[in-house]
């Protein structure tokens, strides 16, 4: 909790205090869909207006920072665009994440088991997410009011099994894999389309 609080709250908040003092009054901040916490498990598409119900130290400290920075931007009259990023994959992922593990397992002929493979999730390619952030950085919507809260997501829903199978096919991997389903297929980390930055 102390490490999370230092990085996600104290250090981050100080950065933007210093930014404003230096005359930087246009802010784009990348948050996480994890801030919604237990709201993500209610089997529905999440809106920017939905309540955040943090369920661990990470989501709690990210939500506290959001509340602080949102109010700070109003008090200091800064233009804030705050993005909550939904699941992302792509180049340069850490080795412990799902797709790098699948690729490594294929290279050493190791069988893997995927549980809850019928969960429906919205995955975005990191390149698409970066392009959206760059587009937002121009602050061209001058008639819009700030602060703004948006989701970064693809708006496309797939099951975990379908996502993995497509990755295996696209990368021509040979892998023995067993998919275990949960009792029901539920939505997890899915944004409603009106909350997604286009």
N, C-alpha and C. Protein backbone atom coordinates (compact mmCIF):
# COMPACT_ATOMS: atom_id res chain seq x y z
N UNK A 1 0.82 -1.20 0.00
CA UNK A 1 0.00 0.00 0.00
C UNK A 1 0.86 1.27 0.00
N UNK A 2 2.00 1.23 0.71
CA UNK A 2 2.85 2.41 0.77
C UNK A 2 3.50 2.71 -0.58
N UNK A 3 3.95 1.66 -1.26
CA UNK A 3 4.55 1.86 -2.58
C UNK A 3 3.51 2.38 -3.56
N UNK A 4 2.33 1.78 -3.55
CA UNK A 4 1.24 2.23 -4.42
C UNK A 4 0.89 3.69 -4.14
N UNK A 5 0.80 4.04 -2.87
CA UNK A 5 0.42 5.40 -2.50
C UNK A 5 1.49 6.40 -2.93
N UNK A 6 2.76 6.04 -2.75
CA UNK A 6 3.84 6.95 -3.14
C UNK A 6 3.87 7.20 -4.64
N UNK A 7 3.76 6.12 -5.42
CA UNK A 7 3.86 6.25 -6.88
C UNK A 7 2.57 6.80 -7.47
N UNK A 8 1.45 6.19 -7.12
CA UNK A 8 0.18 6.53 -7.76
C UNK A 8 -0.47 7.80 -7.23
N UNK A 9 -0.10 8.22 -6.02
CA UNK A 9 -0.73 9.42 -5.46
C UNK A 9 0.30 10.54 -5.27
N UNK A 10 1.19 10.37 -4.32
CA UNK A 10 2.10 11.46 -3.93
C UNK A 10 2.97 11.96 -5.07
N UNK A 11 3.76 11.06 -5.66
CA UNK A 11 4.68 11.46 -6.73
C UNK A 11 3.94 11.99 -7.95
N UNK A 12 2.85 11.32 -8.31
CA UNK A 12 2.08 11.73 -9.49
C UNK A 12 1.42 13.09 -9.28
N UNK A 13 0.87 13.30 -8.10
CA UNK A 13 0.22 14.58 -7.81
C UNK A 13 1.23 15.72 -7.83
N UNK A 14 2.40 15.47 -7.24
CA UNK A 14 3.45 16.50 -7.22
C UNK A 14 3.90 16.86 -8.64
N UNK A 15 3.96 15.86 -9.51
CA UNK A 15 4.35 16.11 -10.91
C UNK A 15 3.45 17.16 -11.55
N UNK A 16 2.15 17.06 -11.31
CA UNK A 16 1.22 17.99 -11.96
C UNK A 16 1.17 19.34 -11.25
N UNK A 17 1.46 19.36 -9.97
CA UNK A 17 1.62 20.65 -9.29
C UNK A 17 2.80 21.40 -9.92
N UNK A 18 3.91 20.69 -10.11
CA UNK A 18 5.10 21.30 -10.71
C UNK A 18 4.84 21.68 -12.17
N UNK A 19 4.07 20.86 -12.88
CA UNK A 19 3.76 21.15 -14.29
C UNK A 19 3.00 22.47 -14.41
N UNK A 20 2.02 22.66 -13.55
CA UNK A 20 1.23 23.89 -13.60
C UNK A 20 2.10 25.10 -13.26
N UNK A 21 2.99 24.95 -12.28
CA UNK A 21 3.88 26.05 -11.92
C UNK A 21 4.79 26.42 -13.08
N UNK A 22 5.10 25.43 -13.93
CA UNK A 22 5.96 25.66 -15.10
C UNK A 22 5.16 26.16 -16.30
N UNK A 23 3.87 26.37 -16.11
CA UNK A 23 3.04 26.91 -17.19
C UNK A 23 2.40 25.86 -18.08
N UNK A 24 2.49 24.59 -17.70
CA UNK A 24 1.90 23.51 -18.50
C UNK A 24 0.48 23.26 -17.99
N UNK A 25 -0.50 23.69 -18.77
CA UNK A 25 -1.88 23.65 -18.30
C UNK A 25 -2.79 22.75 -19.14
N UNK A 26 -2.19 21.98 -20.05
CA UNK A 26 -2.96 20.98 -20.81
C UNK A 26 -2.45 19.60 -20.40
N UNK A 27 -3.31 18.83 -19.79
CA UNK A 27 -2.90 17.56 -19.21
C UNK A 27 -3.65 16.38 -19.84
N UNK A 28 -2.90 15.36 -20.20
CA UNK A 28 -3.49 14.07 -20.56
C UNK A 28 -2.93 13.05 -19.58
N UNK A 29 -3.81 12.38 -18.89
CA UNK A 29 -3.39 11.41 -17.88
C UNK A 29 -3.98 10.05 -18.22
N UNK A 30 -3.14 9.03 -18.13
CA UNK A 30 -3.56 7.67 -18.45
C UNK A 30 -3.81 6.91 -17.16
N UNK A 31 -5.07 6.61 -16.91
CA UNK A 31 -5.45 5.81 -15.76
C UNK A 31 -5.72 4.38 -16.19
N UNK A 32 -6.48 3.67 -15.41
CA UNK A 32 -6.73 2.25 -15.67
C UNK A 32 -8.18 1.90 -15.42
N UNK A 33 -8.70 0.98 -16.23
CA UNK A 33 -10.07 0.49 -16.00
C UNK A 33 -10.15 -0.23 -14.65
N UNK A 34 -9.01 -0.63 -14.11
CA UNK A 34 -9.00 -1.29 -12.79
C UNK A 34 -9.54 -0.38 -11.69
N UNK A 35 -9.58 0.93 -11.94
CA UNK A 35 -10.13 1.86 -10.96
C UNK A 35 -11.59 1.53 -10.64
N UNK A 36 -12.28 0.90 -11.58
CA UNK A 36 -13.69 0.55 -11.35
C UNK A 36 -13.84 -0.60 -10.36
N UNK A 37 -12.78 -1.38 -10.18
CA UNK A 37 -12.80 -2.44 -9.17
C UNK A 37 -13.94 -3.41 -9.36
N UNK A 38 -14.76 -3.56 -8.32
CA UNK A 38 -15.86 -4.54 -8.34
C UNK A 38 -16.93 -4.22 -9.37
N UNK A 39 -17.00 -3.00 -9.84
CA UNK A 39 -17.96 -2.65 -10.89
C UNK A 39 -17.70 -3.47 -12.15
N UNK A 40 -16.44 -3.84 -12.38
CA UNK A 40 -16.08 -4.63 -13.57
C UNK A 40 -16.66 -6.03 -13.54
N UNK A 41 -17.06 -6.49 -12.37
CA UNK A 41 -17.54 -7.87 -12.22
C UNK A 41 -19.06 -7.96 -12.19
N UNK A 42 -19.74 -6.89 -12.58
CA UNK A 42 -21.20 -6.88 -12.54
C UNK A 42 -21.83 -7.35 -13.86
N UNK A 43 -21.01 -7.91 -14.75
CA UNK A 43 -21.49 -8.48 -16.02
C UNK A 43 -22.27 -7.46 -16.85
N UNK A 44 -21.68 -6.26 -16.98
CA UNK A 44 -22.30 -5.24 -17.82
C UNK A 44 -21.21 -4.36 -18.42
N UNK A 45 -21.57 -3.62 -19.45
CA UNK A 45 -20.63 -2.69 -20.05
C UNK A 45 -20.50 -1.47 -19.13
N UNK A 46 -19.25 -1.05 -18.93
CA UNK A 46 -18.96 0.02 -17.96
C UNK A 46 -19.01 1.38 -18.63
N UNK A 47 -19.63 2.33 -17.95
CA UNK A 47 -19.72 3.70 -18.42
C UNK A 47 -18.81 4.59 -17.58
N UNK A 48 -18.42 5.74 -18.15
CA UNK A 48 -17.62 6.70 -17.38
C UNK A 48 -18.39 7.22 -16.18
N UNK A 49 -19.70 7.07 -16.19
CA UNK A 49 -20.53 7.54 -15.07
C UNK A 49 -20.72 6.48 -13.99
N UNK A 50 -20.23 5.26 -14.23
CA UNK A 50 -20.37 4.20 -13.24
C UNK A 50 -19.46 4.46 -12.04
N UNK A 51 -19.90 3.95 -10.91
CA UNK A 51 -19.16 4.17 -9.67
C UNK A 51 -17.92 3.30 -9.62
N UNK A 52 -16.83 3.87 -9.15
CA UNK A 52 -15.62 3.11 -8.92
C UNK A 52 -15.70 2.45 -7.55
N UNK A 53 -15.47 1.14 -7.52
CA UNK A 53 -15.50 0.38 -6.28
C UNK A 53 -14.18 -0.38 -6.13
N UNK A 54 -13.09 0.34 -5.81
CA UNK A 54 -11.76 -0.28 -5.74
C UNK A 54 -11.75 -1.53 -4.87
N UNK A 55 -11.00 -2.56 -5.34
CA UNK A 55 -10.98 -3.82 -4.59
C UNK A 55 -9.56 -4.29 -4.26
N UNK A 56 -8.56 -3.42 -4.49
CA UNK A 56 -7.19 -3.73 -4.07
C UNK A 56 -6.41 -2.42 -3.94
N UNK A 57 -5.18 -2.51 -3.47
CA UNK A 57 -4.37 -1.31 -3.23
C UNK A 57 -4.14 -0.51 -4.51
N UNK A 58 -3.91 -1.22 -5.62
CA UNK A 58 -3.65 -0.55 -6.89
C UNK A 58 -4.86 0.28 -7.32
N UNK A 59 -6.03 -0.37 -7.39
CA UNK A 59 -7.22 0.34 -7.86
C UNK A 59 -7.62 1.46 -6.89
N UNK A 60 -7.41 1.25 -5.61
CA UNK A 60 -7.75 2.27 -4.62
C UNK A 60 -6.88 3.52 -4.80
N UNK A 61 -5.57 3.33 -4.93
CA UNK A 61 -4.68 4.49 -5.05
C UNK A 61 -4.85 5.20 -6.39
N UNK A 62 -5.16 4.45 -7.45
CA UNK A 62 -5.42 5.08 -8.75
C UNK A 62 -6.69 5.92 -8.68
N UNK A 63 -7.70 5.42 -7.99
CA UNK A 63 -8.96 6.17 -7.87
C UNK A 63 -8.77 7.41 -7.01
N UNK A 64 -8.00 7.31 -5.93
CA UNK A 64 -7.73 8.49 -5.09
C UNK A 64 -7.02 9.56 -5.91
N UNK A 65 -6.02 9.13 -6.71
CA UNK A 65 -5.30 10.09 -7.54
C UNK A 65 -6.24 10.76 -8.54
N UNK A 66 -7.14 9.97 -9.14
CA UNK A 66 -8.09 10.54 -10.10
C UNK A 66 -8.92 11.64 -9.43
N UNK A 67 -9.45 11.37 -8.26
CA UNK A 67 -10.26 12.37 -7.56
C UNK A 67 -9.46 13.64 -7.28
N UNK A 68 -8.22 13.46 -6.84
CA UNK A 68 -7.37 14.61 -6.54
C UNK A 68 -7.05 15.43 -7.79
N UNK A 69 -6.65 14.76 -8.85
CA UNK A 69 -6.21 15.46 -10.06
C UNK A 69 -7.39 16.09 -10.79
N UNK A 70 -8.54 15.45 -10.73
CA UNK A 70 -9.75 16.00 -11.35
C UNK A 70 -10.09 17.34 -10.70
N UNK A 71 -10.11 17.37 -9.38
CA UNK A 71 -10.43 18.60 -8.67
C UNK A 71 -9.33 19.65 -8.81
N UNK A 72 -8.07 19.18 -8.83
CA UNK A 72 -6.96 20.12 -9.01
C UNK A 72 -7.05 20.83 -10.36
N UNK A 73 -7.39 20.08 -11.41
CA UNK A 73 -7.48 20.68 -12.75
C UNK A 73 -8.56 21.76 -12.79
N UNK A 74 -9.64 21.55 -12.05
CA UNK A 74 -10.70 22.56 -11.98
C UNK A 74 -10.21 23.79 -11.23
N UNK A 75 -9.60 23.57 -10.09
CA UNK A 75 -9.13 24.69 -9.26
C UNK A 75 -8.04 25.51 -9.95
N UNK A 76 -7.18 24.84 -10.72
CA UNK A 76 -6.08 25.55 -11.40
C UNK A 76 -6.43 25.95 -12.83
N UNK A 77 -7.67 25.63 -13.25
CA UNK A 77 -8.15 25.95 -14.60
C UNK A 77 -7.25 25.33 -15.67
N UNK A 78 -6.93 24.06 -15.47
CA UNK A 78 -6.14 23.31 -16.45
C UNK A 78 -7.07 22.43 -17.29
N UNK A 79 -6.70 22.20 -18.53
CA UNK A 79 -7.48 21.35 -19.43
C UNK A 79 -7.03 19.91 -19.24
N UNK A 80 -7.91 19.11 -18.64
CA UNK A 80 -7.57 17.72 -18.34
C UNK A 80 -8.38 16.76 -19.19
N UNK A 81 -7.67 15.83 -19.85
CA UNK A 81 -8.30 14.66 -20.47
C UNK A 81 -7.77 13.45 -19.72
N UNK A 82 -8.66 12.75 -19.05
CA UNK A 82 -8.26 11.59 -18.25
C UNK A 82 -8.79 10.34 -18.94
N UNK A 83 -7.86 9.45 -19.31
CA UNK A 83 -8.22 8.20 -19.97
C UNK A 83 -8.13 7.02 -19.01
N UNK A 84 -9.14 6.17 -19.01
CA UNK A 84 -9.04 4.88 -18.33
C UNK A 84 -8.86 3.82 -19.41
N UNK A 85 -7.70 3.15 -19.36
CA UNK A 85 -7.34 2.18 -20.39
C UNK A 85 -7.88 0.80 -20.02
N UNK A 86 -8.54 0.17 -21.00
CA UNK A 86 -9.03 -1.19 -20.84
C UNK A 86 -7.95 -2.15 -21.37
N UNK A 87 -8.13 -3.47 -21.26
CA UNK A 87 -7.04 -4.41 -21.56
C UNK A 87 -6.31 -4.14 -22.89
N UNK A 88 -4.98 -4.13 -22.81
CA UNK A 88 -4.13 -3.82 -23.96
C UNK A 88 -3.11 -4.94 -24.16
N UNK A 89 -2.81 -5.21 -25.41
CA UNK A 89 -1.77 -6.18 -25.74
C UNK A 89 -0.90 -5.60 -26.85
N UNK A 90 0.26 -6.21 -27.08
CA UNK A 90 1.08 -5.76 -28.21
C UNK A 90 2.57 -5.87 -27.93
N UNK A 91 3.31 -5.27 -28.82
CA UNK A 91 4.77 -5.35 -28.79
C UNK A 91 5.31 -4.81 -27.47
N UNK A 92 6.39 -5.43 -27.02
CA UNK A 92 7.12 -5.03 -25.81
C UNK A 92 6.37 -5.35 -24.51
N UNK A 93 5.40 -6.26 -24.57
CA UNK A 93 4.75 -6.68 -23.33
C UNK A 93 5.76 -7.39 -22.43
N UNK A 94 5.61 -7.25 -21.12
CA UNK A 94 6.48 -7.99 -20.20
C UNK A 94 6.31 -9.50 -20.40
N UNK A 95 7.36 -10.23 -20.12
CA UNK A 95 7.38 -11.67 -20.38
C UNK A 95 6.36 -12.46 -19.58
N UNK A 96 5.89 -11.91 -18.45
CA UNK A 96 4.96 -12.64 -17.59
C UNK A 96 3.50 -12.52 -18.06
N UNK A 97 3.22 -11.69 -19.07
CA UNK A 97 1.84 -11.51 -19.52
C UNK A 97 1.41 -12.65 -20.44
N UNK A 98 0.11 -12.70 -20.71
CA UNK A 98 -0.49 -13.85 -21.38
C UNK A 98 0.13 -14.19 -22.73
N UNK A 99 0.17 -13.26 -23.66
CA UNK A 99 0.63 -13.58 -25.01
C UNK A 99 2.11 -13.95 -25.05
N UNK A 100 3.00 -13.25 -24.35
CA UNK A 100 4.39 -13.71 -24.32
C UNK A 100 4.54 -15.11 -23.73
N UNK A 101 3.72 -15.44 -22.73
CA UNK A 101 3.77 -16.79 -22.14
C UNK A 101 3.31 -17.84 -23.15
N UNK A 102 2.29 -17.52 -23.92
CA UNK A 102 1.81 -18.44 -24.96
C UNK A 102 2.91 -18.66 -26.00
N UNK A 103 3.55 -17.58 -26.42
CA UNK A 103 4.62 -17.69 -27.41
C UNK A 103 5.79 -18.51 -26.89
N UNK A 104 6.15 -18.29 -25.63
CA UNK A 104 7.25 -19.05 -25.03
C UNK A 104 6.88 -20.52 -24.91
N UNK A 105 5.64 -20.80 -24.49
CA UNK A 105 5.19 -22.19 -24.35
C UNK A 105 5.23 -22.92 -25.68
N UNK A 106 4.88 -22.22 -26.76
CA UNK A 106 4.92 -22.82 -28.10
C UNK A 106 6.36 -23.14 -28.49
N UNK A 107 7.30 -22.27 -28.11
CA UNK A 107 8.70 -22.47 -28.51
C UNK A 107 9.36 -23.65 -27.80
N UNK A 108 8.81 -24.01 -26.62
CA UNK A 108 9.41 -25.13 -25.87
C UNK A 108 8.46 -26.34 -25.79
N UNK A 109 7.41 -26.30 -26.65
CA UNK A 109 6.44 -27.41 -26.71
C UNK A 109 5.83 -27.73 -25.35
N UNK A 110 5.47 -26.71 -24.62
CA UNK A 110 4.87 -26.89 -23.31
C UNK A 110 3.35 -26.71 -23.40
N UNK A 111 2.62 -27.70 -22.92
CA UNK A 111 1.16 -27.61 -22.92
C UNK A 111 0.71 -26.60 -21.87
N UNK A 112 -0.31 -25.81 -22.21
CA UNK A 112 -0.83 -24.86 -21.24
C UNK A 112 -2.34 -25.03 -21.08
N UNK A 113 -2.83 -24.59 -19.94
CA UNK A 113 -4.26 -24.65 -19.64
C UNK A 113 -4.76 -23.23 -19.40
N UNK A 114 -5.86 -22.87 -20.06
CA UNK A 114 -6.48 -21.55 -19.89
C UNK A 114 -7.82 -21.73 -19.20
N UNK A 115 -7.93 -21.19 -18.02
CA UNK A 115 -9.19 -21.25 -17.28
C UNK A 115 -10.08 -20.05 -17.63
N UNK A 116 -11.36 -20.20 -17.41
CA UNK A 116 -12.33 -19.12 -17.67
C UNK A 116 -12.23 -18.61 -19.11
N UNK A 117 -12.03 -19.53 -20.05
CA UNK A 117 -11.77 -19.13 -21.42
C UNK A 117 -12.98 -18.55 -22.14
N UNK A 118 -14.17 -18.66 -21.55
CA UNK A 118 -15.37 -18.09 -22.19
C UNK A 118 -15.72 -16.70 -21.65
N UNK A 119 -14.85 -16.13 -20.81
CA UNK A 119 -15.04 -14.75 -20.37
C UNK A 119 -14.93 -13.83 -21.57
N UNK A 120 -15.83 -12.86 -21.66
CA UNK A 120 -15.83 -11.90 -22.78
C UNK A 120 -15.11 -10.62 -22.34
N UNK A 121 -14.12 -10.23 -23.13
CA UNK A 121 -13.26 -9.10 -22.80
C UNK A 121 -13.06 -8.23 -24.04
N UNK A 122 -12.77 -6.96 -23.82
CA UNK A 122 -12.44 -6.03 -24.90
C UNK A 122 -10.92 -5.82 -24.88
N UNK A 123 -10.24 -6.35 -25.91
CA UNK A 123 -8.78 -6.17 -26.02
C UNK A 123 -8.46 -5.13 -27.07
N UNK A 124 -7.45 -4.31 -26.80
CA UNK A 124 -6.99 -3.31 -27.77
C UNK A 124 -5.51 -3.49 -28.05
N UNK A 125 -5.15 -3.31 -29.31
CA UNK A 125 -3.74 -3.32 -29.69
C UNK A 125 -3.10 -2.04 -29.17
N UNK A 126 -1.91 -2.14 -28.60
CA UNK A 126 -1.24 -0.99 -28.00
C UNK A 126 -1.01 0.13 -29.02
N UNK A 127 -0.81 -0.22 -30.29
CA UNK A 127 -0.61 0.80 -31.33
C UNK A 127 -1.85 1.67 -31.49
N UNK A 128 -3.02 1.04 -31.48
CA UNK A 128 -4.28 1.79 -31.60
C UNK A 128 -4.47 2.73 -30.41
N UNK A 129 -4.14 2.23 -29.23
CA UNK A 129 -4.27 3.05 -28.03
C UNK A 129 -3.33 4.25 -28.08
N UNK A 130 -2.09 4.02 -28.49
CA UNK A 130 -1.12 5.12 -28.61
C UNK A 130 -1.58 6.16 -29.62
N UNK A 131 -2.15 5.71 -30.73
CA UNK A 131 -2.63 6.65 -31.74
C UNK A 131 -3.77 7.52 -31.21
N UNK A 132 -4.63 6.94 -30.39
CA UNK A 132 -5.72 7.71 -29.80
C UNK A 132 -5.18 8.76 -28.83
N UNK A 133 -4.17 8.37 -28.06
CA UNK A 133 -3.56 9.32 -27.11
C UNK A 133 -2.90 10.47 -27.87
N UNK A 134 -2.19 10.15 -28.94
CA UNK A 134 -1.54 11.19 -29.74
C UNK A 134 -2.57 12.13 -30.36
N UNK A 135 -3.67 11.56 -30.84
CA UNK A 135 -4.74 12.38 -31.41
C UNK A 135 -5.30 13.34 -30.36
N UNK A 136 -5.49 12.84 -29.15
CA UNK A 136 -6.03 13.67 -28.07
C UNK A 136 -5.06 14.79 -27.69
N UNK A 137 -3.76 14.55 -27.87
CA UNK A 137 -2.75 15.51 -27.42
C UNK A 137 -2.80 16.84 -28.17
N UNK A 138 -3.52 16.88 -29.29
CA UNK A 138 -3.64 18.13 -30.04
C UNK A 138 -4.69 19.07 -29.43
N UNK A 139 -5.52 18.54 -28.54
CA UNK A 139 -6.55 19.34 -27.88
C UNK A 139 -7.33 20.19 -28.90
N UNK A 140 -7.73 19.55 -29.99
CA UNK A 140 -8.41 20.28 -31.06
C UNK A 140 -9.89 20.55 -30.77
N UNK A 141 -10.44 19.82 -29.81
CA UNK A 141 -11.85 20.04 -29.49
C UNK A 141 -11.98 21.25 -28.56
N UNK A 142 -11.73 22.42 -29.12
CA UNK A 142 -11.65 23.63 -28.31
C UNK A 142 -12.99 24.03 -27.70
N UNK A 143 -14.10 23.56 -28.28
CA UNK A 143 -15.40 23.93 -27.76
C UNK A 143 -15.86 23.00 -26.63
N UNK A 144 -15.04 22.00 -26.34
CA UNK A 144 -15.39 21.05 -25.29
C UNK A 144 -15.03 21.61 -23.92
N UNK A 145 -15.78 21.19 -22.93
CA UNK A 145 -15.48 21.59 -21.56
C UNK A 145 -14.51 20.60 -20.93
N UNK A 146 -13.70 21.09 -20.04
CA UNK A 146 -12.76 20.26 -19.29
C UNK A 146 -13.07 20.38 -17.81
N UNK A 147 -12.74 19.37 -17.02
CA UNK A 147 -12.04 18.13 -17.37
C UNK A 147 -12.95 17.12 -18.09
N UNK A 148 -12.30 16.19 -18.81
CA UNK A 148 -13.01 15.15 -19.53
C UNK A 148 -12.53 13.78 -19.07
N UNK A 149 -13.46 12.84 -19.01
CA UNK A 149 -13.13 11.46 -18.66
C UNK A 149 -13.59 10.56 -19.80
N UNK A 150 -12.64 9.75 -20.32
CA UNK A 150 -12.92 8.85 -21.43
C UNK A 150 -12.32 7.47 -21.17
N UNK A 151 -12.83 6.50 -21.91
CA UNK A 151 -12.23 5.16 -21.92
C UNK A 151 -11.40 4.99 -23.18
N UNK A 152 -10.30 4.26 -23.05
CA UNK A 152 -9.53 3.82 -24.22
C UNK A 152 -9.78 2.32 -24.37
N UNK A 153 -10.54 1.96 -25.39
CA UNK A 153 -10.92 0.58 -25.63
C UNK A 153 -11.26 0.43 -27.11
N UNK A 154 -11.36 -0.78 -27.57
CA UNK A 154 -11.65 -1.02 -28.99
C UNK A 154 -13.14 -1.01 -29.28
N UNK A 155 -13.96 -1.35 -28.28
CA UNK A 155 -15.39 -1.47 -28.52
C UNK A 155 -15.77 -2.81 -29.12
N UNK A 156 -14.78 -3.71 -29.26
CA UNK A 156 -15.03 -5.03 -29.82
C UNK A 156 -14.92 -6.07 -28.70
N UNK A 157 -15.89 -6.95 -28.65
CA UNK A 157 -15.93 -7.95 -27.58
C UNK A 157 -15.55 -9.33 -28.14
N UNK A 158 -14.68 -10.01 -27.44
CA UNK A 158 -14.28 -11.36 -27.83
C UNK A 158 -14.12 -12.21 -26.58
N UNK A 159 -14.22 -13.51 -26.73
CA UNK A 159 -13.94 -14.37 -25.58
C UNK A 159 -12.42 -14.54 -25.47
N UNK A 160 -11.99 -14.90 -24.30
CA UNK A 160 -10.56 -15.15 -24.09
C UNK A 160 -10.07 -16.24 -25.03
N UNK A 161 -10.88 -17.27 -25.23
CA UNK A 161 -10.51 -18.37 -26.12
C UNK A 161 -10.35 -17.88 -27.56
N UNK A 162 -11.29 -17.09 -28.05
CA UNK A 162 -11.20 -16.57 -29.42
C UNK A 162 -9.98 -15.68 -29.60
N UNK A 163 -9.71 -14.87 -28.59
CA UNK A 163 -8.56 -13.96 -28.65
C UNK A 163 -7.26 -14.75 -28.76
N UNK A 164 -7.12 -15.80 -27.94
CA UNK A 164 -5.91 -16.62 -27.95
C UNK A 164 -5.79 -17.39 -29.26
N UNK A 165 -6.88 -17.96 -29.73
CA UNK A 165 -6.85 -18.72 -30.98
C UNK A 165 -6.44 -17.85 -32.15
N UNK A 166 -6.93 -16.62 -32.19
CA UNK A 166 -6.56 -15.70 -33.27
C UNK A 166 -5.07 -15.38 -33.20
N UNK A 167 -4.56 -15.17 -31.99
CA UNK A 167 -3.14 -14.88 -31.82
C UNK A 167 -2.29 -16.06 -32.29
N UNK A 168 -2.71 -17.27 -31.95
CA UNK A 168 -1.97 -18.47 -32.36
C UNK A 168 -1.97 -18.61 -33.88
N UNK A 169 -3.12 -18.37 -34.50
CA UNK A 169 -3.23 -18.47 -35.96
C UNK A 169 -2.41 -17.40 -36.65
N UNK A 170 -2.55 -16.15 -36.19
CA UNK A 170 -1.83 -15.02 -36.82
C UNK A 170 -0.32 -15.19 -36.73
N UNK A 171 0.15 -15.82 -35.66
CA UNK A 171 1.59 -15.97 -35.47
C UNK A 171 2.10 -17.37 -35.84
N UNK A 172 1.19 -18.19 -36.42
CA UNK A 172 1.55 -19.53 -36.91
C UNK A 172 2.26 -20.35 -35.84
N UNK A 173 1.68 -20.34 -34.63
CA UNK A 173 2.26 -21.09 -33.52
C UNK A 173 1.67 -22.49 -33.47
N UNK A 174 2.47 -23.45 -33.02
CA UNK A 174 2.00 -24.80 -32.76
C UNK A 174 2.04 -25.01 -31.26
N UNK A 175 0.86 -25.26 -30.69
CA UNK A 175 0.78 -25.29 -29.24
C UNK A 175 -0.37 -26.19 -28.80
N UNK A 176 -0.08 -27.05 -27.83
CA UNK A 176 -1.13 -27.86 -27.23
C UNK A 176 -1.75 -27.05 -26.10
N UNK A 177 -3.04 -26.79 -26.21
CA UNK A 177 -3.68 -25.90 -25.26
C UNK A 177 -5.06 -26.44 -24.88
N UNK A 178 -5.38 -26.39 -23.61
CA UNK A 178 -6.67 -26.83 -23.12
C UNK A 178 -7.44 -25.63 -22.59
N UNK A 179 -8.67 -25.48 -23.05
CA UNK A 179 -9.51 -24.37 -22.62
C UNK A 179 -10.58 -24.88 -21.66
N UNK A 180 -10.60 -24.32 -20.47
CA UNK A 180 -11.64 -24.64 -19.49
C UNK A 180 -12.61 -23.47 -19.38
N UNK A 181 -13.89 -23.76 -19.48
CA UNK A 181 -14.91 -22.72 -19.38
C UNK A 181 -15.43 -22.60 -17.96
N UNK A 182 -15.84 -21.40 -17.59
CA UNK A 182 -16.56 -21.24 -16.33
C UNK A 182 -18.03 -21.58 -16.57
N UNK A 183 -18.83 -21.64 -15.55
CA UNK A 183 -20.22 -22.08 -15.68
C UNK A 183 -21.02 -21.18 -16.60
N UNK A 184 -20.74 -19.88 -16.58
CA UNK A 184 -21.44 -18.96 -17.47
C UNK A 184 -20.44 -18.00 -18.08
N UNK A 185 -20.77 -17.52 -19.27
CA UNK A 185 -19.90 -16.57 -19.95
C UNK A 185 -20.28 -15.16 -19.49
N UNK A 186 -19.34 -14.46 -18.88
CA UNK A 186 -19.62 -13.12 -18.35
C UNK A 186 -18.73 -12.09 -19.00
N UNK A 187 -19.17 -10.83 -18.95
CA UNK A 187 -18.38 -9.72 -19.47
C UNK A 187 -17.44 -9.22 -18.38
N UNK A 188 -16.24 -8.87 -18.77
CA UNK A 188 -15.25 -8.39 -17.81
C UNK A 188 -14.35 -7.37 -18.51
N UNK A 189 -14.21 -6.18 -17.94
CA UNK A 189 -13.41 -5.11 -18.55
C UNK A 189 -13.94 -4.75 -19.94
N UNK A 190 -15.22 -4.41 -20.02
CA UNK A 190 -15.82 -4.00 -21.29
C UNK A 190 -16.47 -2.63 -21.11
N UNK A 191 -16.13 -1.70 -22.00
CA UNK A 191 -16.68 -0.35 -21.95
C UNK A 191 -17.91 -0.25 -22.83
N UNK A 192 -18.86 0.61 -22.43
CA UNK A 192 -19.94 0.93 -23.39
C UNK A 192 -19.37 1.86 -24.45
N UNK A 193 -19.96 1.86 -25.62
CA UNK A 193 -19.34 2.56 -26.76
C UNK A 193 -19.36 4.09 -26.61
N UNK A 194 -20.35 4.63 -25.91
CA UNK A 194 -20.42 6.09 -25.79
C UNK A 194 -19.31 6.66 -24.90
N UNK A 195 -18.67 5.81 -24.11
CA UNK A 195 -17.60 6.28 -23.22
C UNK A 195 -16.21 6.19 -23.86
N UNK A 196 -16.14 5.60 -25.06
CA UNK A 196 -14.84 5.37 -25.71
C UNK A 196 -14.41 6.56 -26.54
N UNK A 197 -13.18 7.00 -26.34
CA UNK A 197 -12.59 8.07 -27.14
C UNK A 197 -12.40 7.56 -28.57
N UNK A 198 -12.93 8.30 -29.53
CA UNK A 198 -12.85 7.89 -30.95
C UNK A 198 -11.61 8.48 -31.61
